[in-house]
């Protein structure tokens, strides 16, 4: 094995994305042969002992990506200090090695969530510069007028900055409640719920139904299916072209 940058080795081992691995290096949580490592350092796992938070770094895992239909009340985390059920609790123990949620759905929300041990996939699906879209079916209280929907499409100020343009379609509606389809290309904290509430319409139900071209389809709530490499590799882009990890 040749020497590679530590953030690449950490991401390939399924611990986190390369960007998050750089944070670990800055926080002095990575050692090579017992010495604290820094960004730019390299290692060869055939010759060097690499540790992250005191745990030995293993070779790259067999690539695995699961499409999960997250139920409401389940936490998007690998572990929870309050002992609440997490998304990894829905997966058999022998498949969990290196898996982590790709992005988040808040506890009350449900629907499509990827679990992966591929750090590069995590980076690209959670960073807005890659322009991946995520599609949601949202039930809100009341009937938003077209003027409010146009405002949502153009962008709404959250935390001092305007959100990126969104696709918002009214599927059905009454004065009591309405169903919208919302397509986003960014993922701010509780973004849909906060925008809807700012427009005067509380979210009653929020379901993510697609991530890029991956559609939730018939996967039952609380269940998952493992994706083929062909299904998920197209989500990873390298200089405008799909990048397939050949490990």
Protein backbone atom coordinates (compact mmCIF):
# COMPACT_ATOMS: atom_id res chain seq x y z
CA UNK A 1 0.00 0.00 0.00
CA UNK A 2 1.36 3.47 -0.87
CA UNK A 3 1.43 6.45 1.47
CA UNK A 4 -1.75 8.53 1.43
CA UNK A 5 -2.98 11.62 3.21
CA UNK A 6 -4.49 10.81 6.58
CA UNK A 7 -7.87 12.39 5.85
CA UNK A 8 -8.23 10.10 2.83
CA UNK A 9 -7.35 7.01 4.88
CA UNK A 10 -9.78 8.00 7.64
CA UNK A 11 -12.61 8.57 5.15
CA UNK A 12 -11.85 5.29 3.35
CA UNK A 13 -12.10 3.47 6.70
CA UNK A 14 -15.68 4.72 6.98
CA UNK A 15 -15.15 6.86 10.07
CA UNK A 16 -16.29 10.14 8.54
CA UNK A 17 -15.96 12.39 5.50
CA UNK A 18 -12.60 13.87 4.49
CA UNK A 19 -13.76 17.29 5.66
CA UNK A 20 -14.64 15.89 9.09
CA UNK A 21 -11.31 14.01 9.16
CA UNK A 22 -9.52 17.33 8.74
CA UNK A 23 -11.39 18.57 11.81
CA UNK A 24 -10.16 15.53 13.75
CA UNK A 25 -6.60 16.36 12.74
CA UNK A 26 -6.99 19.98 13.83
CA UNK A 27 -8.38 18.78 17.15
CA UNK A 28 -5.26 16.61 17.70
CA UNK A 29 -7.31 13.41 17.80
CA UNK A 30 -5.15 11.51 15.29
CA UNK A 31 -1.78 9.88 15.94
CA UNK A 32 0.71 8.14 13.64
CA UNK A 33 3.14 5.78 15.36
CA UNK A 34 2.29 7.40 18.68
CA UNK A 35 2.88 10.98 17.51
CA UNK A 36 0.19 13.63 17.02
CA UNK A 37 -0.55 14.12 13.32
CA UNK A 38 -1.43 17.25 11.37
CA UNK A 39 -3.18 18.10 8.13
CA UNK A 40 -0.90 17.17 5.24
CA UNK A 41 0.66 14.19 7.01
CA UNK A 42 0.64 10.84 5.21
CA UNK A 43 0.78 7.23 6.27
CA UNK A 44 0.96 3.69 4.91
CA UNK A 45 -1.30 1.31 6.83
CA UNK A 46 1.08 -1.57 5.92
CA UNK A 47 3.88 0.13 7.83
CA UNK A 48 2.37 2.74 10.16
CA UNK A 49 0.07 2.56 13.19
CA UNK A 50 -2.66 5.17 12.83
CA UNK A 51 -5.05 5.91 15.71
CA UNK A 52 -8.19 8.04 15.83
CA UNK A 53 -9.30 8.85 19.38
CA UNK A 54 -7.02 6.08 20.57
CA UNK A 55 -8.55 3.42 18.32
CA UNK A 56 -6.47 1.75 15.58
CA UNK A 57 -7.44 2.72 12.05
CA UNK A 58 -8.35 -0.27 9.95
CA UNK A 59 -8.04 -0.78 6.22
CA UNK A 60 -10.82 0.45 3.98
CA UNK A 61 -14.09 -1.38 4.56
CA UNK A 62 -16.03 -3.18 1.89
CA UNK A 63 -18.15 -0.36 0.42
CA UNK A 64 -21.71 -0.50 1.76
CA UNK A 65 -24.64 1.87 1.30
CA UNK A 66 -28.12 1.22 2.73
CA UNK A 67 -31.32 3.08 1.87
CA UNK A 68 -33.37 3.30 5.08
CA UNK A 69 -36.96 4.44 5.56
CA UNK A 70 -36.53 6.24 8.88
CA UNK A 71 -39.59 6.27 11.16
CA UNK A 72 -40.43 9.33 13.27
CA UNK A 73 -38.96 9.25 16.76
CA UNK A 74 -35.68 7.63 15.66
CA UNK A 75 -32.48 9.68 16.05
CA UNK A 76 -30.11 10.27 13.09
CA UNK A 77 -26.97 9.37 14.97
CA UNK A 78 -24.64 6.42 15.53
CA UNK A 79 -25.25 6.58 19.28
CA UNK A 80 -27.34 8.68 21.66
CA UNK A 81 -26.31 9.67 25.22
CA UNK A 82 -30.00 9.64 26.22
CA UNK A 83 -30.33 6.02 25.08
CA UNK A 84 -32.97 6.83 22.46
CA UNK A 85 -33.29 4.55 19.44
CA UNK A 86 -30.92 5.49 16.61
CA UNK A 87 -30.98 4.66 12.92
CA UNK A 88 -28.18 2.11 13.43
CA UNK A 89 -30.44 0.22 15.83
CA UNK A 90 -32.62 -0.59 12.80
CA UNK A 91 -29.73 -2.43 11.08
CA UNK A 92 -28.41 -5.90 12.08
CA UNK A 93 -25.27 -5.68 14.23
CA UNK A 94 -23.09 -7.56 11.73
CA UNK A 95 -23.70 -4.86 9.09
CA UNK A 96 -23.06 -1.79 11.25
CA UNK A 97 -19.25 -1.69 11.09
CA UNK A 98 -18.28 1.77 9.82
CA UNK A 99 -21.84 2.79 8.93
CA UNK A 100 -22.97 6.32 9.66
CA UNK A 101 -25.97 8.40 8.54
CA UNK A 102 -25.38 10.52 5.45
CA UNK A 103 -26.84 13.87 6.45
CA UNK A 104 -29.75 14.13 8.84
CA UNK A 105 -33.49 14.00 9.28
CA UNK A 106 -34.77 15.53 12.52
CA UNK A 107 -36.35 13.18 15.04
CA UNK A 108 -39.94 14.01 14.05
CA UNK A 109 -39.31 13.58 10.31
CA UNK A 110 -39.38 10.33 8.37
CA UNK A 111 -38.38 8.84 5.05
CA UNK A 112 -35.29 8.25 2.93
CA UNK A 113 -31.92 8.24 4.68
CA UNK A 114 -28.65 6.75 3.48
CA UNK A 115 -26.36 4.83 5.81
CA UNK A 116 -22.85 4.40 4.44
CA UNK A 117 -19.24 3.59 5.27
CA UNK A 118 -18.06 5.72 2.34
CA UNK A 119 -16.69 9.05 3.57
CA UNK A 120 -16.54 10.60 0.10
CA UNK A 121 -20.22 9.85 -0.49
CA UNK A 122 -21.05 11.49 2.83
CA UNK A 123 -19.06 14.61 1.94
CA UNK A 124 -20.62 15.07 -1.47
CA UNK A 125 -24.22 14.48 -0.39
CA UNK A 126 -23.95 16.88 2.55
CA UNK A 127 -21.97 19.72 0.90
CA UNK A 128 -24.14 22.17 -1.10
CA UNK A 129 -21.45 22.76 -3.75
CA UNK A 130 -22.21 19.35 -5.27
CA UNK A 131 -25.80 20.47 -5.92
CA UNK A 132 -27.48 17.16 -5.03
CA UNK A 133 -31.24 17.52 -4.71
CA UNK A 134 -33.44 15.95 -2.03
CA UNK A 135 -37.20 15.64 -2.47
CA UNK A 136 -39.74 15.90 0.34
CA UNK A 137 -43.50 15.46 0.70
CA UNK A 138 -44.64 17.97 3.29
CA UNK A 139 -48.05 18.35 4.90
CA UNK A 140 -48.65 21.80 6.38
CA UNK A 141 -51.51 23.40 8.27
CA UNK A 142 -53.70 25.63 6.14
CA UNK A 143 -53.51 26.49 2.44
CA UNK A 144 -50.43 28.56 1.43
CA UNK A 145 -51.30 31.14 -1.23
CA UNK A 146 -49.28 31.24 -4.45
CA UNK A 147 -47.54 34.42 -3.27
CA UNK A 148 -46.03 32.55 -0.31
CA UNK A 149 -44.99 29.62 -2.49
CA UNK A 150 -43.19 32.00 -4.87
CA UNK A 151 -41.36 33.51 -1.91
CA UNK A 152 -40.28 30.04 -0.75
CA UNK A 153 -39.07 29.20 -4.26
CA UNK A 154 -36.97 32.36 -4.49
CA UNK A 155 -35.40 31.95 -1.05
CA UNK A 156 -36.14 32.90 2.54
CA UNK A 157 -33.79 34.49 5.07
CA UNK A 158 -32.66 31.98 7.73
CA UNK A 159 -29.91 32.80 10.23
CA UNK A 160 -29.07 35.97 8.35
CA UNK A 161 -28.63 34.48 4.86
CA UNK A 162 -31.05 33.66 2.05
CA UNK A 163 -31.74 30.00 1.33
CA UNK A 164 -30.96 28.64 -2.12
CA UNK A 165 -33.84 28.58 -4.64
CA UNK A 166 -36.17 25.61 -4.11
CA UNK A 167 -38.82 23.80 -6.13
CA UNK A 168 -42.14 23.98 -4.30
CA UNK A 169 -45.31 22.45 -5.78
CA UNK A 170 -48.77 22.39 -4.26
CA UNK A 171 -50.05 18.83 -4.74
CA UNK A 172 -53.36 19.18 -2.91
CA UNK A 173 -54.82 21.55 -0.41
CA UNK A 174 -57.78 22.63 1.69
CA UNK A 175 -58.22 25.41 4.23
CA UNK A 176 -57.36 22.82 6.89
CA UNK A 177 -54.15 21.31 5.46
CA UNK A 178 -52.10 21.08 2.27
CA UNK A 179 -49.57 18.68 0.76
CA UNK A 180 -46.47 20.14 -0.91
CA UNK A 181 -43.59 18.62 -2.81
CA UNK A 182 -40.36 20.44 -1.94
CA UNK A 183 -37.01 19.90 -3.68
CA UNK A 184 -33.94 21.34 -1.91
CA UNK A 185 -30.27 21.58 -2.86
CA UNK A 186 -29.06 22.41 0.62
CA UNK A 187 -29.80 21.08 4.08
CA UNK A 188 -29.87 23.65 6.84
CA UNK A 189 -31.02 22.66 10.31
CA UNK A 190 -34.81 22.02 10.27
CA UNK A 191 -34.95 24.13 7.11
CA UNK A 192 -38.36 23.11 5.78
CA UNK A 193 -40.06 23.33 9.17
CA UNK A 194 -38.58 26.77 9.87
CA UNK A 195 -39.46 28.20 6.46
CA UNK A 196 -43.01 26.87 6.55
CA UNK A 197 -43.54 28.28 10.03
CA UNK A 198 -42.11 31.68 8.99
CA UNK A 199 -44.74 31.74 6.25
CA UNK A 200 -47.47 30.94 8.77
CA UNK A 201 -47.93 27.21 8.12
CA UNK A 202 -46.88 24.66 10.73
CA UNK A 203 -45.53 21.36 9.37
CA UNK A 204 -47.78 18.44 10.28
CA UNK A 205 -45.77 15.72 8.52
CA UNK A 206 -42.44 15.70 6.70
CA UNK A 207 -41.26 12.76 4.62
CA UNK A 208 -38.15 12.63 2.42
CA UNK A 209 -39.06 10.56 -0.62
CA UNK A 210 -35.89 10.78 -2.75
CA UNK A 211 -32.18 11.56 -2.56
CA UNK A 212 -30.97 12.52 -6.01
CA UNK A 213 -32.30 9.78 -8.30
CA UNK A 214 -32.64 7.30 -5.42
CA UNK A 215 -36.36 6.96 -4.69
CA UNK A 216 -37.62 5.50 -1.41
CA UNK A 217 -40.21 3.49 -3.30
CA UNK A 218 -41.66 0.44 -1.55
CA UNK A 219 -39.19 0.26 1.36
CA UNK A 220 -41.43 -0.05 4.42
CA UNK A 221 -41.06 2.33 7.35
CA UNK A 222 -38.34 1.09 9.71
CA UNK A 223 -36.87 -1.15 6.99
CA UNK A 224 -33.93 -0.79 4.60
CA UNK A 225 -32.38 -2.26 1.49
CA UNK A 226 -28.74 -2.44 0.47
CA UNK A 227 -27.95 -0.50 -2.70
CA UNK A 228 -25.84 -1.92 -5.48
CA UNK A 229 -22.63 -0.09 -6.38
CA UNK A 230 -24.27 0.93 -9.66
CA UNK A 231 -27.11 2.63 -7.75
CA UNK A 232 -24.97 4.77 -5.46
CA UNK A 233 -21.73 5.35 -7.37
CA UNK A 234 -23.38 7.88 -9.68
CA UNK A 235 -23.93 10.15 -6.69
CA UNK A 236 -20.17 10.66 -6.33
CA UNK A 237 -18.77 13.22 -8.73
CA UNK A 238 -15.12 13.91 -9.58
CA UNK A 239 -14.46 16.82 -11.91
CA UNK A 240 -17.94 16.44 -13.27
CA UNK A 241 -17.78 12.67 -13.70
CA UNK A 242 -18.87 9.82 -11.44
CA UNK A 243 -16.06 8.54 -9.24
CA UNK A 244 -16.24 4.87 -8.25
CA UNK A 245 -14.23 3.61 -5.31
CA UNK A 246 -12.60 0.41 -6.54
CA UNK A 247 -11.71 -0.98 -3.13
